[in-house]
Amino acid sequence: MPFYSKLDTTKPEDRRTAEGLLRLRTALNKEVPGQTLDRTLLLATWNLREFGGTKFGGRDKEALYYIAQVLSHFDLIAVQEVRDNLDELEELMGILGHWWSFLVTDETAGRAGNCERMAFVFDRRKVKFGGLAGEQEGPTSKDGNLLRISDAFARAPFMAGFQAGWFKFSLCTGHLYYGDSKPDDPERLEETRTLVSLLKKRTRNKDQWARNIIVLGDFNLFSTKDKMMKEIHKVFETPPAVEGAFSNALRTKPFDQIGVLSPEMHNRITQSRGGVFDVFEHVYRDEDEATYKPLFGDHDYRMWRTFKASDHLPLWVELEVDFADEYLQCKAKEHKQ
């Protein structure tokens, strides 16, 4: 659990934070399965709107405590929209505790990149970083140049290798191009095709770091019927527990996705649990608008609170990662032969 010692009971805002944390803890304990030592992996993805940015004063202590409380209920979280300034991320890690670590990309140059980074935040007591880390680039010709300019990503997806118990896997997170506010923006669709193609090719490489690849992040998907979803499903399997889940703050679009390409997880995916955790049902609630009025002033409350929590909600899945029985059964068959 996060460290709460810096909450000062003499301050009204800190007492309010403690009350919000209690509501979050109660809801998370009810909606999200408990963490295990080595039987399951609790995996999440969360686009934290302009995390490290300065709009509306950035994240104050209250917001960081709420975010830390949510993250602490998972083992490994992919985070998108981390900005160039990492002070908020460092402060967040201090609240989570010294057993938590993060990996983060360099900031992305260019207007479309918006000076964003992508990060993996993980509990070292449960998840081991395997040493593999790198940004994904589009396919290149023999001279090393991109085959087509359209193969370039606005924000390069980030891949890293991890291990949880018996399960060794590569995790790739992306924040795909938004473009026009409509389904299947051409550039967004092309980025999807490129990313899926790149990851599929990795599975054919006998020297790959892991046989299992999980892709997750903000795909800016407008509908499960979009062409983008069809491209993802050509290679990756979406756990039924999160299929079609609406992950934007308004709960109207399935922006965020989790896809699994794993021979080891074949039958386990259909049995997995998952969903979207709606932060705004417990903190920065509609009924709290008058309380926060001095902080957001003449601005719209529902927009203001997305710069404190986010305009996305965390999407999560629980995967069974204990393969001991299957392994021993294979050993037993080998002995009989």
Protein backbone atom coordinates (compact mmCIF):
# COMPACT_ATOMS: atom_id res chain seq x y z
CA MET A 1 0.00 0.00 0.00
CA PRO A 2 1.18 3.60 -0.50
CA PHE A 3 2.76 5.63 2.28
CA TYR A 4 0.20 7.97 3.90
CA SER A 5 2.46 9.51 6.54
CA LYS A 6 2.70 12.91 4.82
CA LEU A 7 -1.03 13.51 5.17
CA ASP A 8 -1.48 16.23 7.81
CA THR A 9 -4.71 15.81 9.78
CA THR A 10 -4.67 19.53 10.70
CA LYS A 11 -5.29 20.43 7.04
CA PRO A 12 -8.83 20.11 5.63
CA GLU A 13 -7.53 19.10 2.19
CA ASP A 14 -5.50 16.24 3.70
CA ARG A 15 -8.48 14.99 5.68
CA ARG A 16 -10.49 15.13 2.45
CA THR A 17 -7.73 13.12 0.75
CA ALA A 18 -7.86 10.49 3.49
CA GLU A 19 -11.62 10.15 3.01
CA GLY A 20 -11.16 9.78 -0.75
CA LEU A 21 -8.45 7.16 -0.26
CA LEU A 22 -10.76 5.16 1.98
CA ARG A 23 -13.43 5.17 -0.74
CA LEU A 24 -10.89 4.14 -3.36
CA ARG A 25 -9.49 1.33 -1.22
CA THR A 26 -12.95 -0.04 -0.52
CA ALA A 27 -13.93 0.02 -4.21
CA LEU A 28 -10.64 -1.38 -5.48
CA ASN A 29 -10.71 -4.22 -2.96
CA LYS A 30 -14.21 -5.04 -4.16
CA GLU A 31 -13.68 -4.72 -7.93
CA VAL A 32 -10.06 -5.84 -8.43
CA PRO A 33 -8.82 -9.29 -7.33
CA GLY A 34 -6.20 -9.38 -4.60
CA GLN A 35 -2.54 -9.62 -5.56
CA THR A 36 -0.82 -12.99 -5.31
CA LEU A 37 2.79 -14.02 -4.88
CA ASP A 38 3.19 -15.95 -8.14
CA ARG A 39 -0.16 -17.33 -9.31
CA THR A 40 -1.57 -14.30 -11.16
CA LEU A 41 -0.44 -11.08 -12.81
CA LEU A 42 -2.53 -7.94 -12.42
CA LEU A 43 -1.81 -5.86 -15.50
CA ALA A 44 -3.22 -2.40 -16.25
CA THR A 45 -2.93 0.44 -18.72
CA TRP A 46 -3.74 4.05 -17.91
CA ASN A 47 -3.37 7.20 -19.97
CA LEU A 48 -2.69 9.87 -17.33
CA ARG A 49 -3.58 13.09 -19.07
CA GLU A 50 -0.49 15.30 -19.44
CA PHE A 51 1.16 13.74 -16.41
CA GLY A 52 3.87 16.19 -15.42
CA GLY A 53 2.19 19.07 -17.25
CA THR A 54 1.28 22.44 -15.77
CA LYS A 55 -2.35 23.00 -16.81
CA PHE A 56 -4.52 23.89 -13.81
CA GLY A 57 -1.38 23.77 -11.69
CA GLY A 58 -0.55 20.16 -12.49
CA ARG A 59 -1.19 17.39 -9.96
CA ASP A 60 -1.31 18.42 -6.33
CA LYS A 61 -0.64 16.04 -3.43
CA GLU A 62 -4.28 14.94 -3.31
CA ALA A 63 -4.31 13.88 -6.97
CA LEU A 64 -0.99 12.03 -6.67
CA TYR A 65 -2.23 10.09 -3.64
CA TYR A 66 -5.35 9.03 -5.53
CA ILE A 67 -3.33 7.92 -8.56
CA ALA A 68 -0.86 6.04 -6.35
CA GLN A 69 -3.70 4.28 -4.56
CA VAL A 70 -5.11 3.00 -7.86
CA LEU A 71 -1.71 1.91 -9.22
CA SER A 72 -0.82 0.08 -6.01
CA HIS A 73 -3.58 -2.47 -6.59
CA PHE A 74 -1.84 -3.77 -9.73
CA ASP A 75 1.52 -5.42 -10.35
CA LEU A 76 2.52 -3.73 -13.61
CA ILE A 77 1.01 -0.67 -15.26
CA ALA A 78 1.65 0.86 -18.68
CA VAL A 79 1.31 4.65 -18.46
CA GLN A 80 0.90 6.98 -21.42
CA GLU A 81 1.18 10.79 -21.68
CA VAL A 82 4.01 11.21 -19.20
CA ARG A 83 5.41 14.62 -20.07
CA ASP A 84 9.03 15.78 -20.37
CA ASN A 85 9.15 16.94 -16.72
CA LEU A 86 9.43 13.85 -14.49
CA ASP A 87 8.98 15.56 -11.10
CA GLU A 88 5.40 14.29 -10.71
CA LEU A 89 6.43 10.75 -11.62
CA GLU A 90 9.24 10.85 -9.06
CA GLU A 91 6.86 12.14 -6.39
CA LEU A 92 4.35 9.44 -7.29
CA MET A 93 7.01 6.76 -6.87
CA GLY A 94 7.88 8.15 -3.45
CA ILE A 95 4.26 7.67 -2.37
CA LEU A 96 4.15 4.12 -3.76
CA GLY A 97 7.27 3.01 -1.89
CA HIS A 98 10.86 1.95 -2.52
CA TRP A 99 9.86 -1.49 -3.89
CA TRP A 100 8.26 0.19 -6.92
CA SER A 101 10.27 1.08 -10.03
CA PHE A 102 9.64 2.56 -13.44
CA LEU A 103 11.01 2.51 -16.97
CA VAL A 104 10.42 5.54 -19.13
CA THR A 105 11.18 6.57 -22.69
CA ASP A 106 12.85 9.77 -23.75
CA GLU A 107 10.45 12.55 -24.66
CA THR A 108 9.06 12.41 -28.19
CA ALA A 109 10.03 15.31 -30.43
CA GLY A 110 7.70 16.92 -32.93
CA ARG A 111 4.26 18.48 -32.69
CA ALA A 112 2.43 15.15 -32.89
CA GLY A 113 4.65 13.73 -30.15
CA ASN A 114 3.65 16.51 -27.74
CA CYS A 115 6.86 16.02 -25.69
CA GLU A 116 5.33 12.84 -24.31
CA ARG A 117 6.95 9.77 -22.81
CA MET A 118 5.61 6.30 -22.11
CA ALA A 119 6.36 4.40 -18.95
CA PHE A 120 6.04 1.07 -17.21
CA VAL A 121 5.49 1.23 -13.45
CA PHE A 122 5.94 -2.06 -11.62
CA ASP A 123 6.16 -3.68 -8.21
CA ARG A 124 9.60 -5.31 -7.93
CA ARG A 125 8.33 -7.73 -5.31
CA LYS A 126 6.21 -9.32 -8.03
CA VAL A 127 7.67 -8.39 -11.41
CA LYS A 128 11.26 -8.62 -12.58
CA PHE A 129 12.58 -6.41 -15.36
CA GLY A 130 14.35 -8.71 -17.82
CA GLY A 131 16.78 -6.21 -19.35
CA LEU A 132 15.06 -5.75 -22.73
CA ALA A 133 13.86 -2.21 -23.43
CA GLY A 134 13.49 -0.19 -26.59
CA GLU A 135 11.24 1.99 -28.71
CA GLN A 136 9.64 0.46 -31.80
CA GLU A 137 10.32 1.92 -35.23
CA GLY A 138 8.63 1.29 -38.55
CA PRO A 139 10.08 -1.18 -41.10
CA THR A 140 13.27 -0.03 -42.78
CA SER A 141 15.04 -0.68 -46.06
CA LYS A 142 18.58 -2.05 -46.38
CA ASP A 143 20.04 1.42 -45.95
CA GLY A 144 18.21 1.81 -42.62
CA ASN A 145 15.68 4.39 -43.80
CA LEU A 146 11.93 4.06 -43.28
CA LEU A 147 10.26 2.36 -46.24
CA ARG A 148 7.53 5.01 -46.24
CA ILE A 149 7.18 8.19 -44.18
CA SER A 150 3.76 6.88 -43.14
CA ASP A 151 5.53 4.06 -41.30
CA ALA A 152 6.86 6.52 -38.73
CA PHE A 153 4.98 6.68 -35.43
CA ALA A 154 3.94 10.03 -33.98
CA ARG A 155 4.94 8.53 -30.62
CA ALA A 156 7.15 5.45 -30.85
CA PRO A 157 5.67 2.47 -29.00
CA PHE A 158 7.74 1.24 -26.05
CA MET A 159 8.61 -2.41 -25.44
CA ALA A 160 10.25 -4.00 -22.40
CA GLY A 161 10.79 -7.54 -21.18
CA PHE A 162 9.46 -8.73 -17.81
CA GLN A 163 9.01 -11.92 -15.86
CA ALA A 164 6.37 -12.77 -13.25
CA GLY A 165 6.79 -16.20 -11.73
CA TRP A 166 6.99 -18.69 -14.60
CA PHE A 167 5.70 -16.18 -17.13
CA LYS A 168 8.30 -14.42 -19.28
CA PHE A 169 6.86 -11.84 -21.64
CA SER A 170 7.48 -8.74 -23.72
CA LEU A 171 5.16 -5.83 -23.02
CA CYS A 172 4.57 -3.16 -25.65
CA THR A 173 2.65 0.03 -24.95
CA GLY A 174 1.60 2.65 -27.43
CA HIS A 175 -0.26 5.93 -27.67
CA LEU A 176 -1.44 5.96 -31.26
CA TYR A 177 -2.02 9.05 -33.34
CA TYR A 178 -5.37 10.74 -32.68
CA GLY A 179 -5.80 12.94 -35.74
CA ASP A 180 -9.40 13.66 -36.68
CA SER A 181 -12.05 12.98 -34.05
CA LYS A 182 -13.58 10.10 -35.97
CA PRO A 183 -13.19 6.33 -36.35
CA ASP A 184 -10.28 4.99 -38.37
CA ASP A 185 -8.37 8.18 -39.02
CA PRO A 186 -6.08 7.09 -41.91
CA GLU A 187 -2.82 7.79 -40.08
CA ARG A 188 -4.09 6.14 -36.89
CA LEU A 189 -5.14 3.08 -38.88
CA GLU A 190 -1.76 2.92 -40.58
CA GLU A 191 0.03 3.13 -37.23
CA THR A 192 -2.08 0.22 -35.99
CA ARG A 193 -1.20 -1.91 -38.99
CA THR A 194 2.49 -1.08 -38.65
CA LEU A 195 2.62 -1.87 -34.94
CA VAL A 196 0.75 -5.17 -35.30
CA SER A 197 2.99 -6.17 -38.20
CA LEU A 198 6.17 -5.35 -36.27
CA LEU A 199 5.11 -7.35 -33.24
CA LYS A 200 3.98 -10.30 -35.32
CA LYS A 201 7.40 -10.46 -37.01
CA ARG A 202 9.05 -10.63 -33.61
CA THR A 203 7.30 -13.91 -32.86
CA ARG A 204 8.97 -15.48 -35.93
CA ASN A 205 12.43 -14.63 -34.66
CA LYS A 206 13.93 -17.65 -32.88
CA ASP A 207 16.19 -15.29 -30.92
CA GLN A 208 13.35 -13.20 -29.55
CA TRP A 209 13.50 -12.40 -25.84
CA ALA A 210 10.15 -14.07 -25.05
CA ARG A 211 7.53 -16.12 -26.89
CA ASN A 212 4.75 -14.09 -25.29
CA ILE A 213 3.86 -10.53 -26.33
CA ILE A 214 1.24 -8.31 -24.73
CA VAL A 215 0.29 -5.02 -26.37
CA LEU A 216 -1.66 -2.43 -24.42
CA GLY A 217 -2.24 1.29 -24.28
CA ASP A 218 -4.22 4.12 -25.78
CA PHE A 219 -5.20 3.14 -29.31
CA ASN A 220 -7.75 5.97 -29.62
CA LEU A 221 -10.23 3.36 -30.77
CA PHE A 222 -13.71 4.76 -31.35
CA SER A 223 -15.60 1.48 -31.73
CA THR A 224 -14.98 -2.25 -31.52
CA LYS A 225 -16.28 -2.38 -35.10
CA ASP A 226 -13.50 -0.11 -36.38
CA LYS A 227 -11.02 -1.40 -38.94
CA MET A 228 -8.35 -0.83 -36.27
CA MET A 229 -9.90 -3.49 -34.06
CA LYS A 230 -9.93 -5.95 -36.96
CA GLU A 231 -6.22 -5.28 -37.52
CA ILE A 232 -5.47 -5.95 -33.85
CA HIS A 233 -7.50 -9.16 -33.85
CA LYS A 234 -5.61 -10.52 -36.85
CA VAL A 235 -2.74 -11.22 -34.45
CA PHE A 236 -3.74 -10.47 -30.86
CA GLU A 237 -6.48 -11.91 -28.71
CA THR A 238 -8.41 -9.53 -26.48
CA PRO A 239 -9.34 -11.03 -23.09
CA PRO A 240 -13.16 -11.34 -23.06
CA ALA A 241 -13.24 -9.51 -19.71
CA VAL A 242 -12.13 -6.27 -21.40
CA GLU A 243 -13.62 -6.75 -24.87
CA GLY A 244 -15.49 -3.57 -25.80
CA ALA A 245 -14.88 -1.90 -22.45
CA PHE A 246 -15.34 1.89 -22.56
CA SER A 247 -12.26 3.46 -21.01
CA ASN A 248 -12.60 7.18 -21.64
CA ALA A 249 -13.82 9.28 -18.71
CA LEU A 250 -17.27 9.68 -20.31
CA ARG A 251 -17.53 5.88 -20.75
CA THR A 252 -18.49 6.24 -24.42
CA LYS A 253 -15.47 4.83 -26.33
CA PRO A 254 -13.10 1.84 -26.06
CA PHE A 255 -10.02 4.03 -26.49
CA ASP A 256 -7.69 1.74 -24.54
CA GLN A 257 -6.93 -1.87 -25.40
CA ILE A 258 -5.11 -4.96 -24.14
CA GLY A 259 -4.12 -7.70 -26.60
CA VAL A 260 -2.26 -10.96 -25.95
CA LEU A 261 -0.19 -13.07 -28.35
CA SER A 262 0.95 -16.04 -26.32
CA PRO A 263 1.08 -19.80 -26.91
CA GLU A 264 1.32 -20.26 -23.14
CA MET A 265 -1.81 -18.21 -22.39
CA HIS A 266 -4.04 -19.89 -25.00
CA ASN A 267 -6.84 -21.16 -22.75
CA ARG A 268 -6.16 -18.89 -19.79
CA ILE A 269 -7.20 -15.67 -21.51
CA THR A 270 -10.85 -16.70 -21.72
CA GLN A 271 -10.85 -17.37 -17.98
CA SER A 272 -9.23 -14.08 -17.02
CA ARG A 273 -10.93 -11.30 -15.10
CA GLY A 274 -10.70 -7.62 -15.95
CA GLY A 275 -12.51 -4.38 -16.54
CA VAL A 276 -12.42 -0.60 -16.22
CA PHE A 277 -12.10 1.07 -12.84
CA ASP A 278 -14.14 4.29 -12.76
CA VAL A 279 -12.13 6.64 -10.57
CA PHE A 280 -14.77 9.37 -10.68
CA GLU A 281 -17.31 7.24 -8.87
CA HIS A 282 -15.12 7.54 -5.77
CA VAL A 283 -13.02 10.73 -5.98
CA TYR A 284 -13.61 14.04 -7.76
CA ARG A 285 -17.22 12.88 -7.86
CA ASP A 286 -20.05 14.88 -9.41
CA GLU A 287 -21.36 15.65 -5.92
CA ASP A 288 -17.95 17.08 -4.93
CA GLU A 289 -18.14 19.97 -7.39
CA ALA A 290 -18.96 22.61 -4.77
CA THR A 291 -16.07 21.41 -2.60
CA TYR A 292 -13.52 21.97 -5.36
CA LYS A 293 -15.03 25.23 -6.65
CA PRO A 294 -12.27 27.38 -5.06
CA LEU A 295 -9.69 25.35 -7.01
CA PHE A 296 -11.19 25.28 -10.51
CA GLY A 297 -12.87 28.73 -10.35
CA ASP A 298 -14.64 29.66 -13.59
CA HIS A 299 -13.44 26.60 -15.45
CA ASP A 300 -15.56 23.55 -16.16
CA TYR A 301 -15.33 21.13 -13.25
CA ARG A 302 -15.51 17.99 -15.37
CA MET A 303 -12.67 19.19 -17.54
CA TRP A 304 -10.61 20.36 -14.52
CA ARG A 305 -10.81 16.99 -12.81
CA THR A 306 -9.40 15.22 -15.89
CA PHE A 307 -6.17 17.16 -15.30
CA LYS A 308 -6.11 15.88 -11.71
CA ALA A 309 -7.04 12.24 -12.37
CA SER A 310 -7.32 11.79 -16.16
CA ASP A 311 -9.64 11.83 -19.13
CA HIS A 312 -9.05 8.07 -19.36
CA LEU A 313 -9.84 5.35 -16.83
CA PRO A 314 -7.52 2.46 -15.97
CA LEU A 315 -8.19 -0.71 -17.96
CA TRP A 316 -6.98 -3.89 -16.28
CA VAL A 317 -6.81 -7.67 -16.63
CA GLU A 318 -5.82 -10.50 -14.31
CA LEU A 319 -3.82 -13.27 -16.02
CA GLU A 320 -3.03 -16.71 -14.61
CA VAL A 321 0.76 -17.09 -14.82
CA ASP A 322 1.42 -20.24 -12.77
CA PHE A 323 2.36 -22.97 -15.28
CA ALA A 324 3.76 -25.45 -12.77
CA ASP A 325 1.04 -28.10 -13.26
CA GLU A 326 1.41 -28.12 -17.05
CA TYR A 327 5.18 -28.28 -16.76
CA LEU A 328 5.11 -31.20 -14.33
CA GLN A 329 2.55 -33.04 -16.48
CA CYS A 330 4.92 -32.79 -19.45
CA LYS A 331 7.76 -34.09 -17.27
CA ALA A 332 5.61 -36.99 -16.10
CA LYS A 333 4.75 -37.95 -19.70
CA GLU A 334 8.40 -37.81 -20.70
CA HIS A 335 9.28 -40.20 -17.87
CA LYS A 336 6.58 -42.71 -18.92
CA GLN A 337 7.90 -42.69 -22.46
